[in-house]
Amino acid sequence: MTIEDIKKMTKEILTPVEVAQILQCDAELIRFQARKDISSLGFPVSVMGSRIKIPRRAFIKWIEGDH
């Protein structure tokens, strides 16, 4: 998956798996860091119980340096 693939998506929320593919890391690392210190990720994240939700448009802005 590429950032261009994410831009073409119609859904508004990304999963840690999708974001991890862009960042080339393990999705579990994103989940762990979101629970430990949400602000350290740098991009907007919502933690809802055991679920991690990442707003697609905000992530695109972050990855492109427009934050």
N, C-alpha and C. Protein backbone atom coordinates (compact mmCIF):
# COMPACT_ATOMS: atom_id res chain seq x y z
N MET A 1 0.84 -1.18 0.00
CA MET A 1 0.00 0.00 0.00
C MET A 1 0.89 1.24 0.00
N THR A 2 0.45 2.24 -0.73
CA THR A 2 1.18 3.51 -0.80
C THR A 2 0.30 4.64 -0.30
N ILE A 3 0.89 5.80 -0.14
CA ILE A 3 0.12 6.97 0.26
C ILE A 3 -0.91 7.32 -0.82
N GLU A 4 -0.58 7.05 -2.06
CA GLU A 4 -1.54 7.29 -3.15
C GLU A 4 -2.75 6.39 -3.02
N ASP A 5 -2.54 5.15 -2.59
CA ASP A 5 -3.66 4.24 -2.35
C ASP A 5 -4.56 4.79 -1.24
N ILE A 6 -3.96 5.30 -0.20
CA ILE A 6 -4.72 5.86 0.91
C ILE A 6 -5.50 7.10 0.46
N LYS A 7 -4.89 7.92 -0.37
CA LYS A 7 -5.59 9.10 -0.88
C LYS A 7 -6.82 8.73 -1.68
N LYS A 8 -6.78 7.59 -2.38
CA LYS A 8 -7.90 7.17 -3.22
C LYS A 8 -9.03 6.51 -2.43
N MET A 9 -8.76 6.15 -1.19
CA MET A 9 -9.78 5.49 -0.37
C MET A 9 -10.96 6.43 -0.12
N THR A 10 -12.11 5.84 0.10
CA THR A 10 -13.28 6.64 0.44
C THR A 10 -13.58 6.58 1.94
N LYS A 11 -13.06 5.59 2.62
CA LYS A 11 -13.32 5.51 4.06
C LYS A 11 -12.51 6.57 4.79
N GLU A 12 -13.02 7.01 5.91
CA GLU A 12 -12.40 8.13 6.63
C GLU A 12 -11.45 7.70 7.74
N ILE A 13 -11.49 6.44 8.14
CA ILE A 13 -10.66 5.97 9.24
C ILE A 13 -9.71 4.88 8.74
N LEU A 14 -8.43 5.01 9.12
CA LEU A 14 -7.42 4.02 8.79
C LEU A 14 -7.15 3.12 9.98
N THR A 15 -6.66 1.94 9.70
CA THR A 15 -6.28 1.01 10.76
C THR A 15 -4.77 1.09 10.97
N PRO A 16 -4.30 0.62 12.11
CA PRO A 16 -2.85 0.55 12.32
C PRO A 16 -2.13 -0.28 11.25
N VAL A 17 -2.78 -1.31 10.73
CA VAL A 17 -2.17 -2.13 9.68
C VAL A 17 -1.92 -1.31 8.42
N GLU A 18 -2.90 -0.51 8.02
CA GLU A 18 -2.74 0.32 6.82
C GLU A 18 -1.66 1.37 7.02
N VAL A 19 -1.65 2.00 8.17
CA VAL A 19 -0.65 3.03 8.45
C VAL A 19 0.74 2.42 8.55
N ALA A 20 0.83 1.24 9.14
CA ALA A 20 2.13 0.57 9.29
C ALA A 20 2.75 0.26 7.93
N GLN A 21 1.94 -0.05 6.95
CA GLN A 21 2.46 -0.31 5.61
C GLN A 21 3.12 0.94 5.03
N ILE A 22 2.55 2.09 5.28
CA ILE A 22 3.11 3.34 4.79
C ILE A 22 4.39 3.68 5.55
N LEU A 23 4.37 3.49 6.87
CA LEU A 23 5.51 3.84 7.71
C LEU A 23 6.57 2.75 7.75
N GLN A 24 6.27 1.62 7.13
CA GLN A 24 7.18 0.47 7.08
C GLN A 24 7.59 0.03 8.49
N CYS A 25 6.57 -0.21 9.30
CA CYS A 25 6.81 -0.70 10.65
C CYS A 25 5.73 -1.73 10.98
N ASP A 26 5.82 -2.28 12.16
CA ASP A 26 4.85 -3.27 12.63
C ASP A 26 3.62 -2.55 13.18
N ALA A 27 2.44 -2.98 12.78
CA ALA A 27 1.20 -2.37 13.26
C ALA A 27 1.09 -2.46 14.78
N GLU A 28 1.64 -3.49 15.37
CA GLU A 28 1.58 -3.63 16.82
C GLU A 28 2.35 -2.52 17.52
N LEU A 29 3.40 -2.02 16.90
CA LEU A 29 4.14 -0.89 17.46
C LEU A 29 3.28 0.37 17.51
N ILE A 30 2.49 0.57 16.48
CA ILE A 30 1.57 1.72 16.45
C ILE A 30 0.53 1.58 17.55
N ARG A 31 -0.03 0.38 17.70
CA ARG A 31 -1.02 0.14 18.74
C ARG A 31 -0.43 0.37 20.13
N PHE A 32 0.75 -0.18 20.36
CA PHE A 32 1.41 -0.04 21.65
C PHE A 32 1.68 1.43 21.99
N GLN A 33 2.24 2.16 21.02
CA GLN A 33 2.59 3.56 21.26
C GLN A 33 1.35 4.42 21.46
N ALA A 34 0.28 4.11 20.74
CA ALA A 34 -0.97 4.87 20.89
C ALA A 34 -1.53 4.70 22.30
N ARG A 35 -1.40 3.51 22.85
CA ARG A 35 -1.89 3.28 24.22
C ARG A 35 -0.96 3.86 25.27
N LYS A 36 0.33 3.85 24.98
CA LYS A 36 1.33 4.31 25.95
C LYS A 36 1.40 5.84 26.01
N ASP A 37 1.56 6.48 24.85
CA ASP A 37 1.70 7.94 24.77
C ASP A 37 1.20 8.40 23.41
N ILE A 38 -0.07 8.67 23.33
CA ILE A 38 -0.73 8.98 22.05
C ILE A 38 -0.09 10.14 21.29
N SER A 39 0.42 11.12 22.02
CA SER A 39 1.00 12.30 21.36
C SER A 39 2.36 12.01 20.72
N SER A 40 3.00 10.94 21.13
CA SER A 40 4.34 10.65 20.59
C SER A 40 4.31 10.14 19.16
N LEU A 41 3.17 9.72 18.68
CA LEU A 41 3.10 9.23 17.30
C LEU A 41 3.26 10.37 16.29
N GLY A 42 2.78 11.54 16.64
CA GLY A 42 2.93 12.68 15.75
C GLY A 42 1.73 12.92 14.86
N PHE A 43 0.97 11.90 14.57
CA PHE A 43 -0.24 12.06 13.77
C PHE A 43 -1.46 11.77 14.66
N PRO A 44 -2.63 12.31 14.29
CA PRO A 44 -3.82 12.14 15.11
C PRO A 44 -4.25 10.67 15.22
N VAL A 45 -4.57 10.27 16.41
CA VAL A 45 -5.02 8.90 16.70
C VAL A 45 -6.10 8.96 17.77
N SER A 46 -7.08 8.08 17.64
CA SER A 46 -8.09 7.92 18.68
C SER A 46 -7.99 6.50 19.23
N VAL A 47 -7.99 6.41 20.54
CA VAL A 47 -7.99 5.10 21.20
C VAL A 47 -9.36 4.91 21.82
N MET A 48 -10.04 3.87 21.38
CA MET A 48 -11.38 3.56 21.88
C MET A 48 -11.36 2.13 22.40
N GLY A 49 -11.12 1.99 23.68
CA GLY A 49 -10.99 0.65 24.25
C GLY A 49 -9.76 -0.01 23.66
N SER A 50 -9.96 -1.12 22.99
CA SER A 50 -8.84 -1.83 22.36
C SER A 50 -8.64 -1.42 20.90
N ARG A 51 -9.47 -0.52 20.42
CA ARG A 51 -9.41 -0.09 19.01
C ARG A 51 -8.59 1.17 18.85
N ILE A 52 -7.79 1.19 17.79
CA ILE A 52 -6.99 2.36 17.42
C ILE A 52 -7.53 2.85 16.09
N LYS A 53 -7.94 4.10 16.05
CA LYS A 53 -8.49 4.68 14.82
C LYS A 53 -7.67 5.89 14.42
N ILE A 54 -7.35 5.96 13.13
CA ILE A 54 -6.50 7.02 12.60
C ILE A 54 -7.27 7.73 11.49
N PRO A 55 -7.57 9.02 11.67
CA PRO A 55 -8.29 9.76 10.63
C PRO A 55 -7.45 9.85 9.35
N ARG A 56 -8.03 9.40 8.24
CA ARG A 56 -7.31 9.31 6.96
C ARG A 56 -6.79 10.67 6.49
N ARG A 57 -7.64 11.67 6.47
CA ARG A 57 -7.22 12.98 5.95
C ARG A 57 -6.13 13.61 6.80
N ALA A 58 -6.24 13.48 8.11
CA ALA A 58 -5.22 14.03 9.00
C ALA A 58 -3.89 13.28 8.84
N PHE A 59 -3.96 11.98 8.63
CA PHE A 59 -2.74 11.20 8.41
C PHE A 59 -2.06 11.62 7.11
N ILE A 60 -2.84 11.83 6.07
CA ILE A 60 -2.27 12.28 4.79
C ILE A 60 -1.57 13.62 4.97
N LYS A 61 -2.21 14.55 5.67
CA LYS A 61 -1.58 15.86 5.92
C LYS A 61 -0.28 15.69 6.67
N TRP A 62 -0.28 14.82 7.69
CA TRP A 62 0.92 14.58 8.49
C TRP A 62 2.05 13.99 7.64
N ILE A 63 1.72 12.99 6.85
CA ILE A 63 2.75 12.30 6.06
C ILE A 63 3.33 13.23 4.99
N GLU A 64 2.53 14.17 4.52
CA GLU A 64 3.00 15.12 3.51
C GLU A 64 3.65 16.36 4.13
N GLY A 65 3.71 16.40 5.45
CA GLY A 65 4.38 17.50 6.13
C GLY A 65 3.52 18.73 6.31
N ASP A 66 2.23 18.61 6.10
CA ASP A 66 1.32 19.74 6.22
C ASP A 66 0.58 19.66 7.56
N HIS A 67 1.35 19.84 8.66
CA HIS A 67 0.75 19.74 9.99
C HIS A 67 1.16 20.85 10.88
